[in-house]
């Protein structure tokens, strides 16, 4: 959801500022791990929702 996405963004910034590998940092940060997993999907696996 929105909250988890925001937390993942903050966690990714923390990893960057601490000069840590993002995938290593994600091992202890659930929201970041889920975001990496979601955004690493092949485009064929992602459902596109058309808006009106």
C-alpha atoms as a PDB file:
ATOM      1  CA  UNK A   1       0.000   0.000   0.000  1.00  0.00           C
ATOM      2  CA  UNK A   2       0.879   3.649   0.129  1.00  0.00           C
ATOM      3  CA  UNK A   3       2.411   3.519   3.596  1.00  0.00           C
ATOM      4  CA  UNK A   4       4.651   0.539   2.778  1.00  0.00           C
ATOM      5  CA  UNK A   5       5.714   2.224  -0.466  1.00  0.00           C
ATOM      6  CA  UNK A   6       6.678   5.380   1.389  1.00  0.00           C
ATOM      7  CA  UNK A   7       8.598   3.333   3.952  1.00  0.00           C
ATOM      8  CA  UNK A   8      10.438   1.525   1.141  1.00  0.00           C
ATOM      9  CA  UNK A   9      11.400   4.872  -0.386  1.00  0.00           C
ATOM     10  CA  UNK A  10      12.776   6.101   2.937  1.00  0.00           C
ATOM     11  CA  UNK A  11      14.650   2.818   3.430  1.00  0.00           C
ATOM     12  CA  UNK A  12      16.193   3.064  -0.034  1.00  0.00           C
ATOM     13  CA  UNK A  13      17.383   6.591   0.783  1.00  0.00           C
ATOM     14  CA  UNK A  14      18.852   5.344   4.074  1.00  0.00           C
ATOM     15  CA  UNK A  15      20.747   2.611   2.232  1.00  0.00           C
ATOM     16  CA  UNK A  16      22.102   5.152  -0.245  1.00  0.00           C
ATOM     17  CA  UNK A  17      23.192   7.594   2.450  1.00  0.00           C
ATOM     18  CA  UNK A  18      24.874   4.792   4.406  1.00  0.00           C
ATOM     19  CA  UNK A  19      26.558   3.581   1.185  1.00  0.00           C
ATOM     20  CA  UNK A  20      25.013   0.119   1.662  1.00  0.00           C
ATOM     21  CA  UNK A  21      24.087  -2.298  -1.096  1.00  0.00           C
ATOM     22  CA  UNK A  22      20.316  -1.976  -1.484  1.00  0.00           C
ATOM     23  CA  UNK A  23      19.657  -5.720  -1.700  1.00  0.00           C
ATOM     24  CA  UNK A  24      21.723  -6.359   1.420  1.00  0.00           C
ATOM     25  CA  UNK A  25      19.920  -3.531   3.235  1.00  0.00           C
ATOM     26  CA  UNK A  26      16.580  -4.987   2.162  1.00  0.00           C
ATOM     27  CA  UNK A  27      17.313  -8.232   4.036  1.00  0.00           C
ATOM     28  CA  UNK A  28      16.456  -6.398   7.273  1.00  0.00           C
ATOM     29  CA  UNK A  29      13.811  -4.051   5.836  1.00  0.00           C
ATOM     30  CA  UNK A  30      10.614  -5.818   4.774  1.00  0.00           C
ATOM     31  CA  UNK A  31       9.042  -2.933   2.857  1.00  0.00           C
ATOM     32  CA  UNK A  32      12.164  -2.352   0.796  1.00  0.00           C
ATOM     33  CA  UNK A  33      12.460  -6.060   0.031  1.00  0.00           C
ATOM     34  CA  UNK A  34       8.846  -6.176  -1.171  1.00  0.00           C
ATOM     35  CA  UNK A  35       9.332  -3.087  -3.352  1.00  0.00           C
ATOM     36  CA  UNK A  36      12.445  -4.553  -4.967  1.00  0.00           C
ATOM     37  CA  UNK A  37      10.593  -7.799  -5.601  1.00  0.00           C
ATOM     38  CA  UNK A  38       7.590  -5.979  -7.112  1.00  0.00           C
ATOM     39  CA  UNK A  39       9.541  -3.598  -9.338  1.00  0.00           C
ATOM     40  CA  UNK A  40      11.908  -6.334 -10.522  1.00  0.00           C
ATOM     41  CA  UNK A  41       9.070  -8.285 -12.169  1.00  0.00           C
ATOM     42  CA  UNK A  42       9.114  -8.698 -15.916  1.00  0.00           C
ATOM     43  CA  UNK A  43       6.690  -6.358 -17.639  1.00  0.00           C
ATOM     44  CA  UNK A  44       4.632  -9.357 -18.801  1.00  0.00           C
ATOM     45  CA  UNK A  45       4.004 -10.216 -15.129  1.00  0.00           C
ATOM     46  CA  UNK A  46       2.644  -6.777 -14.246  1.00  0.00           C
ATOM     47  CA  UNK A  47      -1.040  -6.144 -14.820  1.00  0.00           C
ATOM     48  CA  UNK A  48      -1.798  -2.762 -16.362  1.00  0.00           C
ATOM     49  CA  UNK A  49      -5.020  -1.143 -15.209  1.00  0.00           C
ATOM     50  CA  UNK A  50      -6.538   1.272 -17.689  1.00  0.00           C
ATOM     51  CA  UNK A  51      -7.905   4.483 -16.218  1.00  0.00           C
ATOM     52  CA  UNK A  52     -10.798   6.411 -17.678  1.00  0.00           C
END
